C-alpha cells in the first residue's frame, strides 16, 4: 500500500513523504519536501499525489492537478561568492566600496566596457546598478588613491604568504608592456612609440612589479614614447617609499640595462640582476674560444665596477652557453641568411634583411655580421651585484616569465587593451581595476592550478535561481557537483 504522510520535523516544518507499506511495515519512503506554510504544504501534497499516481488513469472526474512551473531568474551566485571571498581574503574590502569590488569581479568574469559590466553583474545576481554609480566609482578610485591602498594590501598579502619561515619578499621582478588605444589623435600621455604589438596607434607604457610567484605589487603607467630604461627607477622608488624595503633584489630583462639604472639601484641599496645584450663577443668568452669549444651550461664570468655615492661597487657579468639556445640561434640565423640571399638573387621583393649589405650599385651578404652572429650563438649574459652563486643568479633571472605571464593574463583574460577611455584619470582608474583583478586571479590560480578563464567557464553555468510555481516565487539553490566542491575547498570557501 502506498500513501502520503505528513511528519513534523525538529525545526517545526512539516515534511511531506510518499510511504509504501508491505505486511504492515514501511519499506520505502520518498521525501517530497518540507513546508513552512499552508501554501507550501498544499503544493507539496499536490506534487506527492502527482508522483504517486503518475501514469495511472483516474476512474472519477478528479480536478485537474496540473502545476504551472516557470523559471523567473537564474544567476551565477556560486561564482560571484567565490570571487568576492577572494577579494575580501586579500583585504580589499577595507576600501569599503562595493561598486569597486563589483567592477573588479565583472572584469574577471567577462571583460567588457564599464557600461556593459551592469549586464555581467546582473548575470551574477547583482542588480540595481546604473552607469552613474559606476562613473562615480571611477572618480573615487582616483580621488581616494585606491592604487596606493591596493599596492599596500598586495604587498602585505604577498609578504605573509612568502614568509612561512622564510625572510619574506626578497626578490621582485620588473618588466614593461604597451597598451594601445582605439584613437588616432595623440596627446601628452597617449603617444605613438615602440609598440610590443607592432601597432601604430597611440599607446601608453605600463610597468609591472611582481614577486617571484608573479603576484602583482606595483603598477605604473608612462607616456607612450618613454624609453623602457627610464621606467624602472620611478617604480622601484615608489616601492621603496611605500614599504621602506631595501634588502631586495630587483630582476629585469635586458631592456632595463643602462649604466644610470645600475648606479641608481646600487645607490639606493638594492642588489640587481639584469639581462645583458651582447653586441660583440665578450673578451673572456673570446679568449676561451681560442683554445676550446664551449660546452652545454658552461659559465664564464668577468668582474667590473660601477660608481655610486662616490664609491666603486663591484659587479660581475655572467655568461652562460646553452646548447639548446645555440641550436635555436643557428636556425634563426639560417633563416635570415636565406632571406638575404633571396634578395641578392632577386627572387623576392623584400628590400631589407639582417645580413644584407646594400650599396649604390650592389647587394651582397654581410659576412662579417654573419660570423659575429655565429660566434654569439647560445650565449646569454647577466649583470649583477648580488653575492650569490652564478647558477642561482641565472635561476633568479629566469623567473621573469612570471611577469610575462601576468601581462598575458591582464591582456587576454582581463582585456586590459585596447583602452577606450580618453582622460588620464579614467585610464588610471581602469588600470587600478585591472591590477586588483590580476591579484585576485593570481591568488586563485596559485591555489587551484586552474587558469582563471577555465575556472569561470567551469563555475558560471552552476546557477541559483527563482522558480515560479502556480504564481508564487521560490528560491532554487544550485546543485554543486563533488569536483566543484574540491575546488571550493582549495579556496577556503567550502561552506558556500
Protein backbone atom coordinates (compact mmCIF):
# COMPACT_ATOMS: atom_id res chain seq x y z
CA UNK A 1 0.00 0.00 0.00
CA UNK A 2 1.30 3.47 -0.95
CA UNK A 3 0.13 6.60 0.84
CA UNK A 4 1.08 10.20 1.57
CA UNK A 5 2.12 11.06 5.09
CA UNK A 6 2.97 14.30 6.90
CA UNK A 7 5.67 14.35 9.56
CA UNK A 8 6.59 17.28 11.79
CA UNK A 9 10.35 17.93 11.78
CA UNK A 10 12.58 19.17 14.61
CA UNK A 11 12.70 22.63 13.02
CA UNK A 12 8.91 22.94 13.12
CA UNK A 13 8.38 22.36 9.40
CA UNK A 14 6.10 19.64 8.02
CA UNK A 15 7.77 17.03 5.83
CA UNK A 16 5.62 15.55 3.07
CA UNK A 17 6.55 11.99 2.10
CA UNK A 18 5.31 9.13 -0.03
CA UNK A 19 5.42 5.93 2.04
CA UNK A 20 4.95 2.31 0.94
CA UNK A 21 3.83 -0.40 3.35
CA UNK A 22 4.26 -4.11 2.99
CA UNK A 23 2.95 -6.60 5.53
CA UNK A 24 2.27 -3.74 7.94
CA UNK A 25 5.87 -2.47 7.70
CA UNK A 26 7.01 0.74 5.96
CA UNK A 27 9.57 -0.46 3.42
CA UNK A 28 10.19 2.72 1.38
CA UNK A 29 9.95 6.49 1.94
CA UNK A 30 10.31 9.16 -0.77
CA UNK A 31 10.81 12.64 0.67
CA UNK A 32 8.98 15.29 -1.38
CA UNK A 33 9.92 18.37 0.65
CA UNK A 34 9.41 20.36 3.84
CA UNK A 35 6.68 23.02 4.13
CA UNK A 36 6.83 26.12 6.28
CA UNK A 37 3.39 27.50 5.38
CA UNK A 38 -0.08 26.23 4.39
CA UNK A 39 0.55 27.23 0.75
CA UNK A 40 3.79 25.22 0.62
CA UNK A 41 2.07 22.26 2.33
CA UNK A 42 -0.76 22.24 -0.24
CA UNK A 43 1.76 22.45 -3.07
CA UNK A 44 3.87 19.56 -1.73
CA UNK A 45 0.78 17.36 -1.23
CA UNK A 46 -0.26 18.08 -4.83
CA UNK A 47 3.23 17.18 -6.06
CA UNK A 48 3.14 13.99 -3.97
CA UNK A 49 -0.22 12.99 -5.48
CA UNK A 50 1.08 13.58 -8.99
CA UNK A 51 4.14 11.47 -8.36
CA UNK A 52 2.16 8.70 -6.63
CA UNK A 53 -0.45 8.46 -9.45
CA UNK A 54 1.94 9.10 -12.34
CA UNK A 55 0.90 7.05 -15.41
CA UNK A 56 -2.46 5.93 -13.88
CA UNK A 57 -5.87 6.81 -15.32
CA UNK A 58 -8.48 8.10 -12.87
CA UNK A 59 -11.88 6.33 -12.55
CA UNK A 60 -13.52 9.53 -11.38
CA UNK A 61 -13.68 13.13 -12.59
CA UNK A 62 -10.95 14.43 -10.29
CA UNK A 63 -10.00 18.08 -10.50
CA UNK A 64 -7.05 18.96 -12.75
CA UNK A 65 -3.82 18.83 -10.70
CA UNK A 66 -1.60 20.44 -13.34
CA UNK A 67 1.11 22.65 -11.79
CA UNK A 68 2.40 25.73 -13.58
CA UNK A 69 6.21 25.92 -13.14
CA UNK A 70 8.45 28.55 -14.72
CA UNK A 71 11.94 29.95 -14.17
CA UNK A 72 11.83 33.63 -13.29
CA UNK A 73 15.57 34.29 -12.95
CA UNK A 74 18.90 32.47 -12.82
CA UNK A 75 22.28 33.80 -11.76
CA UNK A 76 25.82 32.58 -11.01
CA UNK A 77 25.73 33.07 -7.27
CA UNK A 78 28.47 30.49 -6.64
CA UNK A 79 30.95 32.21 -8.97
CA UNK A 80 30.21 35.63 -7.50
CA UNK A 81 30.65 34.38 -3.93
CA UNK A 82 33.94 32.71 -4.80
CA UNK A 83 35.35 35.90 -6.32
CA UNK A 84 34.08 38.24 -3.61
CA UNK A 85 35.51 35.86 -0.99
CA UNK A 86 38.95 36.13 -2.62
CA UNK A 87 38.57 39.91 -2.89
CA UNK A 88 37.91 40.06 0.86
CA UNK A 89 40.63 37.50 1.62
CA UNK A 90 43.20 39.84 0.05
CA UNK A 91 41.94 42.65 2.30
CA UNK A 92 40.47 44.76 -0.50
CA UNK A 93 37.18 45.06 1.38
CA UNK A 94 38.98 47.64 3.58
CA UNK A 95 38.30 50.13 0.78
CA UNK A 96 34.63 49.85 1.77
CA UNK A 97 33.48 50.36 -1.82
CA UNK A 98 31.09 47.71 -3.15
CA UNK A 99 30.90 49.30 -6.60
CA UNK A 100 34.67 49.00 -6.97
CA UNK A 101 34.52 45.35 -5.90
CA UNK A 102 31.75 44.72 -8.44
CA UNK A 103 33.77 46.32 -11.27
CA UNK A 104 36.80 44.17 -10.42
CA UNK A 105 34.72 40.99 -10.37
CA UNK A 106 32.97 41.86 -13.63
CA UNK A 107 36.41 42.42 -15.20
CA UNK A 108 37.38 38.85 -14.23
CA UNK A 109 34.16 37.13 -15.31
CA UNK A 110 33.65 38.86 -18.66
CA UNK A 111 35.95 41.77 -19.53
CA UNK A 112 33.87 44.38 -21.30
CA UNK A 113 33.05 48.09 -21.16
CA UNK A 114 32.17 49.67 -17.82
CA UNK A 115 28.59 50.20 -19.00
CA UNK A 116 28.22 46.59 -20.17
CA UNK A 117 29.53 45.48 -16.77
CA UNK A 118 25.99 46.12 -15.48
CA UNK A 119 24.78 43.20 -17.63
CA UNK A 120 27.62 40.95 -16.39
CA UNK A 121 26.86 41.79 -12.76
CA UNK A 122 23.15 41.16 -13.28
CA UNK A 123 24.08 37.67 -14.52
CA UNK A 124 25.97 37.21 -11.23
CA UNK A 125 22.90 38.18 -9.20
CA UNK A 126 23.87 41.84 -8.58
CA UNK A 127 21.15 44.15 -9.84
CA UNK A 128 20.15 47.75 -9.23
CA UNK A 129 23.42 49.26 -10.52
CA UNK A 130 23.39 52.11 -13.02
CA UNK A 131 26.03 53.84 -15.14
CA UNK A 132 26.09 56.93 -12.89
CA UNK A 133 27.17 54.79 -9.93
CA UNK A 134 30.00 53.28 -11.96
CA UNK A 135 31.23 56.65 -13.22
CA UNK A 136 31.21 57.99 -9.66
CA UNK A 137 33.22 54.93 -8.64
CA UNK A 138 35.88 55.69 -11.29
CA UNK A 139 36.24 59.18 -9.81
CA UNK A 140 36.58 57.76 -6.27
CA UNK A 141 39.37 55.45 -7.43
CA UNK A 142 41.47 58.50 -8.33
CA UNK A 143 40.31 60.92 -5.64
CA UNK A 144 40.90 58.43 -2.81
CA UNK A 145 44.07 56.98 -4.39
CA UNK A 146 42.87 53.37 -4.38
CA UNK A 147 46.02 52.31 -6.27
CA UNK A 148 48.19 53.16 -3.26
CA UNK A 149 45.99 51.18 -0.87
CA UNK A 150 45.75 48.21 -3.25
CA UNK A 151 49.56 48.16 -3.58
CA UNK A 152 49.96 48.14 0.21
CA UNK A 153 47.44 45.33 0.62
CA UNK A 154 49.07 43.28 -2.18
CA UNK A 155 52.48 43.68 -0.54
CA UNK A 156 51.10 42.71 2.87
CA UNK A 157 49.45 39.59 1.47
CA UNK A 158 52.46 38.54 -0.64
CA UNK A 159 54.86 39.10 2.26
CA UNK A 160 52.75 36.93 4.58
CA UNK A 161 52.50 34.13 2.03
CA UNK A 162 56.21 34.29 1.20
CA UNK A 163 57.40 34.23 4.81
CA UNK A 164 56.19 30.95 6.32
CA UNK A 165 59.59 30.51 7.96
CA UNK A 166 61.45 32.50 5.27
CA UNK A 167 62.54 36.15 5.36
CA UNK A 168 59.58 37.33 3.23
CA UNK A 169 59.84 39.11 -0.11
CA UNK A 170 63.49 39.34 -1.12
CA UNK A 171 63.13 39.19 -4.91
CA UNK A 172 61.00 41.38 -7.18
CA UNK A 173 60.65 41.09 -10.95
CA UNK A 174 60.06 44.04 -13.28
CA UNK A 175 59.01 44.36 -16.90
CA UNK A 176 57.03 46.68 -19.15
CA UNK A 177 54.39 46.32 -21.83
CA UNK A 178 52.42 48.66 -24.06
CA UNK A 179 48.66 49.21 -24.21
CA UNK A 180 47.21 50.84 -27.29
CA UNK A 181 44.09 52.99 -27.80
CA UNK A 182 41.35 52.91 -30.41
CA UNK A 183 42.07 56.54 -31.32
CA UNK A 184 44.21 58.18 -33.98
CA UNK A 185 44.91 61.51 -32.27
CA UNK A 186 47.69 61.51 -29.70
CA UNK A 187 48.03 63.75 -26.63
CA UNK A 188 50.65 64.35 -23.92
CA UNK A 189 50.03 60.90 -22.43
CA UNK A 190 48.89 58.69 -25.27
CA UNK A 191 51.71 58.78 -27.79
CA UNK A 192 52.95 56.54 -30.61
CA UNK A 193 56.11 54.70 -29.61
CA UNK A 194 57.92 51.38 -29.81
CA UNK A 195 54.96 49.01 -29.57
CA UNK A 196 55.19 45.47 -28.18
CA UNK A 197 52.36 44.54 -30.58
CA UNK A 198 53.91 46.38 -33.55
CA UNK A 199 50.97 48.79 -33.72
CA UNK A 200 50.91 52.39 -34.88
CA UNK A 201 48.11 53.74 -32.66
CA UNK A 202 48.83 56.00 -29.67
CA UNK A 203 49.81 53.96 -26.64
CA UNK A 204 50.96 54.10 -23.04
CA UNK A 205 53.70 52.12 -21.34
CA UNK A 206 52.81 50.07 -18.27
CA UNK A 207 55.46 48.92 -15.79
CA UNK A 208 54.58 45.97 -13.55
CA UNK A 209 56.46 44.83 -10.46
CA UNK A 210 55.65 41.33 -9.15
CA UNK A 211 57.03 38.93 -6.57
CA UNK A 212 58.74 35.70 -7.58
CA UNK A 213 55.39 33.90 -7.98
CA UNK A 214 54.00 36.55 -10.34
CA UNK A 215 51.74 38.16 -7.71
CA UNK A 216 51.44 41.92 -8.51
CA UNK A 217 53.00 44.51 -6.19
CA UNK A 218 53.14 47.76 -8.17
CA UNK A 219 51.70 49.07 -11.43
CA UNK A 220 52.65 52.39 -13.04
CA UNK A 221 51.90 53.94 -16.41
CA UNK A 222 54.07 56.23 -18.54
CA UNK A 223 53.84 58.21 -21.75
CA UNK A 224 53.75 56.04 -24.84
CA UNK A 225 57.08 57.25 -26.20
CA UNK A 226 59.07 56.94 -22.95
CA UNK A 227 62.20 54.81 -23.13
CA UNK A 228 61.85 51.50 -21.27
CA UNK A 229 65.11 52.10 -19.39
CA UNK A 230 63.62 55.23 -17.80
CA UNK A 231 60.63 53.44 -16.25
CA UNK A 232 62.25 51.11 -13.73
CA UNK A 233 63.64 53.72 -11.31
CA UNK A 234 60.30 55.54 -10.69
CA UNK A 235 58.62 52.19 -9.97
CA UNK A 236 61.38 50.97 -7.62
CA UNK A 237 61.50 54.34 -5.82
CA UNK A 238 57.72 54.26 -5.29
CA UNK A 239 58.01 50.70 -3.97
CA UNK A 240 60.77 51.72 -1.54
CA UNK A 241 58.88 54.82 -0.39
CA UNK A 242 55.67 52.86 0.17
CA UNK A 243 57.17 49.93 2.07
CA UNK A 244 60.62 51.08 3.21
CA UNK A 245 62.15 47.98 1.64
CA UNK A 246 65.89 47.96 0.93
CA UNK A 247 67.08 44.36 1.23
CA UNK A 248 65.55 43.46 -2.12
CA UNK A 249 66.98 42.08 -5.34
CA UNK A 250 65.50 43.60 -8.50
CA UNK A 251 65.36 41.38 -11.59
CA UNK A 252 64.76 42.89 -15.04
CA UNK A 253 65.40 41.98 -18.66
CA UNK A 254 67.97 43.48 -20.99
CA UNK A 255 65.63 46.35 -21.93
CA UNK A 256 66.29 47.88 -18.50
CA UNK A 257 70.08 47.70 -18.77
CA UNK A 258 71.71 51.13 -18.59
CA UNK A 259 74.60 52.48 -16.56
CA UNK A 260 72.30 55.06 -14.95
CA UNK A 261 69.87 52.38 -13.78
CA UNK A 262 72.59 50.18 -12.32
CA UNK A 263 74.24 53.10 -10.49
CA UNK A 264 70.89 54.32 -9.13
CA UNK A 265 69.83 50.86 -7.93
CA UNK A 266 73.18 50.37 -6.19
CA UNK A 267 72.97 53.85 -4.68
CA UNK A 268 69.51 53.07 -3.29
CA UNK A 269 70.94 49.99 -1.60
CA UNK A 270 69.39 47.40 -3.91
CA UNK A 271 71.03 44.40 -5.46
CA UNK A 272 70.07 43.64 -9.05
CA UNK A 273 70.11 41.04 -11.81
CA UNK A 274 69.67 42.49 -15.30
CA UNK A 275 69.92 40.75 -18.65
CA UNK A 276 72.79 41.84 -20.88
CA UNK A 277 72.54 42.41 -24.61
CA UNK A 278 75.58 41.06 -26.43
CA UNK A 279 76.69 43.28 -29.30
CA UNK A 280 80.10 41.66 -29.53
CA UNK A 281 81.81 38.53 -28.30
CA UNK A 282 82.82 39.11 -24.64
CA UNK A 283 86.57 39.16 -24.08
CA UNK A 284 86.54 36.24 -21.62
CA UNK A 285 84.47 34.13 -24.00
CA UNK A 286 86.68 35.04 -26.97
CA UNK A 287 89.82 34.07 -25.09
CA UNK A 288 88.30 30.73 -24.13
CA UNK A 289 87.11 30.01 -27.68
CA UNK A 290 90.66 30.38 -28.98
CA UNK A 291 91.62 27.02 -27.48
CA UNK A 292 88.39 25.21 -26.59
CA UNK A 293 84.76 24.88 -27.56
CA UNK A 294 82.02 25.92 -25.16
CA UNK A 295 80.07 23.05 -23.62
CA UNK A 296 76.43 22.91 -22.52
CA UNK A 297 75.71 25.01 -19.39
CA UNK A 298 79.28 26.33 -19.30
CA UNK A 299 79.64 29.62 -17.38
CA UNK A 300 82.31 32.30 -17.80
CA UNK A 301 82.34 35.39 -15.56
CA UNK A 302 84.07 38.76 -15.66
CA UNK A 303 84.37 41.36 -12.89
CA UNK A 304 83.62 45.07 -13.42
CA UNK A 305 82.98 48.11 -11.20
CA UNK A 306 80.39 50.89 -11.16
CA UNK A 307 80.44 54.16 -9.26
CA UNK A 308 77.68 55.19 -6.82
CA UNK A 309 77.81 57.64 -3.92
CA UNK A 310 81.40 58.38 -4.92
CA UNK A 311 82.24 54.76 -4.23
CA UNK A 312 83.17 51.99 -6.63
CA UNK A 313 80.99 48.91 -6.26
CA UNK A 314 81.90 45.57 -7.73
CA UNK A 315 79.59 43.78 -10.10
CA UNK A 316 80.05 40.79 -12.35
CA UNK A 317 78.80 39.71 -15.73
CA UNK A 318 77.89 36.05 -16.03
CA UNK A 319 77.95 34.47 -19.49
CA UNK A 320 76.29 31.10 -19.94
CA UNK A 321 76.32 28.86 -23.02
CA UNK A 322 73.32 26.59 -23.63
CA UNK A 323 73.34 24.00 -26.41
CA UNK A 324 69.55 24.23 -26.81
CA UNK A 325 69.72 28.02 -27.15
CA UNK A 326 72.58 27.66 -29.66
CA UNK A 327 70.53 25.32 -31.86
CA UNK A 328 67.66 27.81 -31.90
CA UNK A 329 70.02 30.71 -32.66
CA UNK A 330 71.56 28.81 -35.59
CA UNK A 331 68.12 28.08 -37.07
CA UNK A 332 67.19 31.77 -36.84
CA UNK A 333 70.50 32.86 -38.37
CA UNK A 334 69.99 30.40 -41.24
CA UNK A 335 66.52 31.87 -41.92
CA UNK A 336 67.96 35.40 -42.01
CA UNK A 337 70.78 34.32 -44.36
CA UNK A 338 68.28 32.60 -46.69
CA UNK A 339 66.19 35.78 -46.79
CA UNK A 340 69.25 37.91 -47.59
CA UNK A 341 70.31 35.51 -50.35
CA UNK A 342 66.85 35.68 -51.97
CA UNK A 343 67.14 39.47 -52.05
CA UNK A 344 70.64 39.28 -53.59
CA UNK A 345 69.40 36.79 -56.23
CA UNK A 346 66.32 38.90 -56.97
CA UNK A 347 63.85 36.12 -56.14
CA UNK A 348 61.95 38.17 -53.55
CA UNK A 349 60.55 41.70 -53.42
CA UNK A 350 61.79 42.30 -49.87
CA UNK A 351 64.33 45.12 -49.55
CA UNK A 352 65.73 44.62 -46.06
CA UNK A 353 67.36 41.73 -44.23
CA UNK A 354 69.58 41.46 -41.20
CA UNK A 355 72.66 40.12 -43.02
CA UNK A 356 72.34 42.21 -46.19
CA UNK A 357 74.80 44.93 -47.24
CA UNK A 358 73.39 47.41 -49.74
CA UNK A 359 75.47 49.91 -51.70
CA UNK A 360 74.50 52.16 -54.60
CA UNK A 361 75.33 49.55 -57.22
CA UNK A 362 75.40 46.26 -55.35
CA UNK A 363 73.70 43.95 -52.82
CA UNK A 364 75.67 41.26 -51.04
CA UNK A 365 75.80 39.21 -47.84
CA UNK A 366 77.48 40.85 -44.85
CA UNK A 367 79.86 38.05 -43.94
CA UNK A 368 81.39 39.97 -41.01
CA UNK A 369 77.98 40.29 -39.38
CA UNK A 370 77.20 36.62 -40.08
CA UNK A 371 80.46 35.47 -38.46
CA UNK A 372 79.76 37.67 -35.43
CA UNK A 373 76.26 36.22 -35.05
CA UNK A 374 77.58 32.65 -35.21
CA UNK A 375 80.23 33.49 -32.60
CA UNK A 376 77.47 34.55 -30.16
CA UNK A 377 75.09 31.60 -30.60
CA UNK A 378 73.93 30.06 -27.36
CA UNK A 379 75.44 32.75 -25.13
CA UNK A 380 73.36 34.81 -22.69
CA UNK A 381 74.68 37.49 -20.33
CA UNK A 382 73.55 38.52 -16.84
CA UNK A 383 74.80 41.60 -14.96
CA UNK A 384 74.57 41.50 -11.14
CA UNK A 385 76.00 42.88 -7.91
CA UNK A 386 74.36 40.13 -5.85
CA UNK A 387 76.77 37.89 -3.99
CA UNK A 388 75.20 34.55 -4.87
CA UNK A 389 76.44 31.57 -6.91
CA UNK A 390 76.33 32.04 -10.68
CA UNK A 391 73.74 29.32 -11.27
CA UNK A 392 71.44 30.83 -8.63
CA UNK A 393 71.69 34.24 -10.34
CA UNK A 394 70.67 32.65 -13.63
CA UNK A 395 67.81 30.81 -11.93
CA UNK A 396 66.53 34.09 -10.41
CA UNK A 397 66.63 35.79 -13.80
CA UNK A 398 64.66 33.04 -15.49
CA UNK A 399 61.76 33.67 -13.10
CA UNK A 400 60.95 36.75 -15.22
CA UNK A 401 58.46 34.55 -17.05
CA UNK A 402 56.13 35.21 -14.11
CA UNK A 403 55.88 38.88 -15.14
CA UNK A 404 55.28 37.91 -18.75
CA UNK A 405 52.55 35.51 -17.62
CA UNK A 406 50.89 38.27 -15.57
CA UNK A 407 51.00 40.59 -18.58
CA UNK A 408 49.46 37.90 -20.77
CA UNK A 409 46.73 37.38 -18.19
CA UNK A 410 45.97 41.10 -17.97
CA UNK A 411 45.87 41.44 -21.77
CA UNK A 412 43.94 38.27 -22.65
CA UNK A 413 41.86 37.18 -19.65
CA UNK A 414 41.27 40.69 -18.26
CA UNK A 415 41.25 42.51 -21.63
CA UNK A 416 43.31 45.46 -20.40
CA UNK A 417 43.71 46.53 -24.04
CA UNK A 418 42.63 48.20 -26.19
CA UNK A 419 41.64 51.06 -23.91
CA UNK A 420 38.63 53.20 -24.87
CA UNK A 421 38.94 55.84 -22.11
CA UNK A 422 40.04 59.33 -23.14
CA UNK A 423 41.07 61.13 -19.93
CA UNK A 424 44.14 60.11 -17.98
CA UNK A 425 42.24 59.80 -14.69
CA UNK A 426 39.82 57.33 -16.29
CA UNK A 427 42.72 55.37 -17.77
CA UNK A 428 44.48 55.20 -14.39
CA UNK A 429 41.21 54.08 -12.75
CA UNK A 430 40.87 51.36 -15.39
CA UNK A 431 44.44 50.17 -14.67
CA UNK A 432 43.71 50.10 -10.93
CA UNK A 433 40.76 47.80 -11.59
CA UNK A 434 42.98 45.59 -13.77
CA UNK A 435 45.68 45.47 -11.05
CA UNK A 436 43.12 44.44 -8.42
CA UNK A 437 41.55 41.82 -10.70
CA UNK A 438 45.02 40.48 -11.52
CA UNK A 439 45.78 39.99 -7.81
CA UNK A 440 42.54 38.01 -7.37
CA UNK A 441 43.27 35.89 -10.46
CA UNK A 442 46.83 35.08 -9.37
CA UNK A 443 45.60 34.05 -5.90
CA UNK A 444 43.00 31.71 -7.40
CA UNK A 445 45.45 30.22 -9.88
CA UNK A 446 48.09 29.66 -7.20
CA UNK A 447 45.60 27.74 -5.03
CA UNK A 448 43.76 25.74 -7.71
CA UNK A 449 46.32 25.32 -10.53
CA UNK A 450 43.47 26.34 -12.85
CA UNK A 451 43.56 29.28 -15.23
CA UNK A 452 41.04 31.96 -14.34
CA UNK A 453 39.40 31.51 -17.74
CA UNK A 454 38.85 27.79 -17.10
CA UNK A 455 37.56 28.43 -13.58
CA UNK A 456 35.00 30.98 -14.78
CA UNK A 457 33.94 28.64 -17.59
CA UNK A 458 33.52 25.80 -15.06
CA UNK A 459 31.61 27.69 -12.37
CA UNK A 460 29.47 30.14 -14.34
CA UNK A 461 26.93 27.50 -15.51
CA UNK A 462 26.26 26.44 -11.88
CA UNK A 463 23.37 28.74 -11.15
CA UNK A 464 20.93 29.63 -8.43
CA UNK A 465 17.51 30.82 -9.47
CA UNK A 466 13.96 31.88 -8.71
CA UNK A 467 11.23 29.37 -9.65
CA UNK A 468 7.58 30.40 -10.01
CA UNK A 469 5.11 27.64 -9.08
CA UNK A 470 1.43 28.42 -9.52
CA UNK A 471 2.16 32.14 -9.37
CA UNK A 472 4.35 32.06 -6.26
CA UNK A 473 8.15 32.58 -6.28
CA UNK A 474 10.52 30.11 -4.61
CA UNK A 475 14.33 30.36 -4.38
CA UNK A 476 16.19 27.47 -6.01
CA UNK A 477 19.70 26.60 -4.86
CA UNK A 478 22.36 25.28 -7.22
CA UNK A 479 23.41 21.63 -7.06
CA UNK A 480 27.19 21.59 -6.57
CA UNK A 481 28.95 18.51 -8.04
CA UNK A 482 31.74 16.88 -6.00
CA UNK A 483 34.56 18.06 -8.31
CA UNK A 484 33.39 21.66 -7.84
CA UNK A 485 33.38 21.23 -4.07
CA UNK A 486 37.04 20.21 -4.22
CA UNK A 487 37.85 23.49 -5.99
CA UNK A 488 35.99 25.47 -3.35
CA UNK A 489 37.84 23.67 -0.57
CA UNK A 490 41.17 24.77 -2.07
CA UNK A 491 39.92 28.35 -1.89
CA UNK A 492 38.73 28.07 1.72
CA UNK A 493 35.06 28.57 0.90
CA UNK A 494 33.80 25.00 1.14
CA UNK A 495 30.93 26.21 3.30
CA UNK A 496 29.25 28.11 0.46
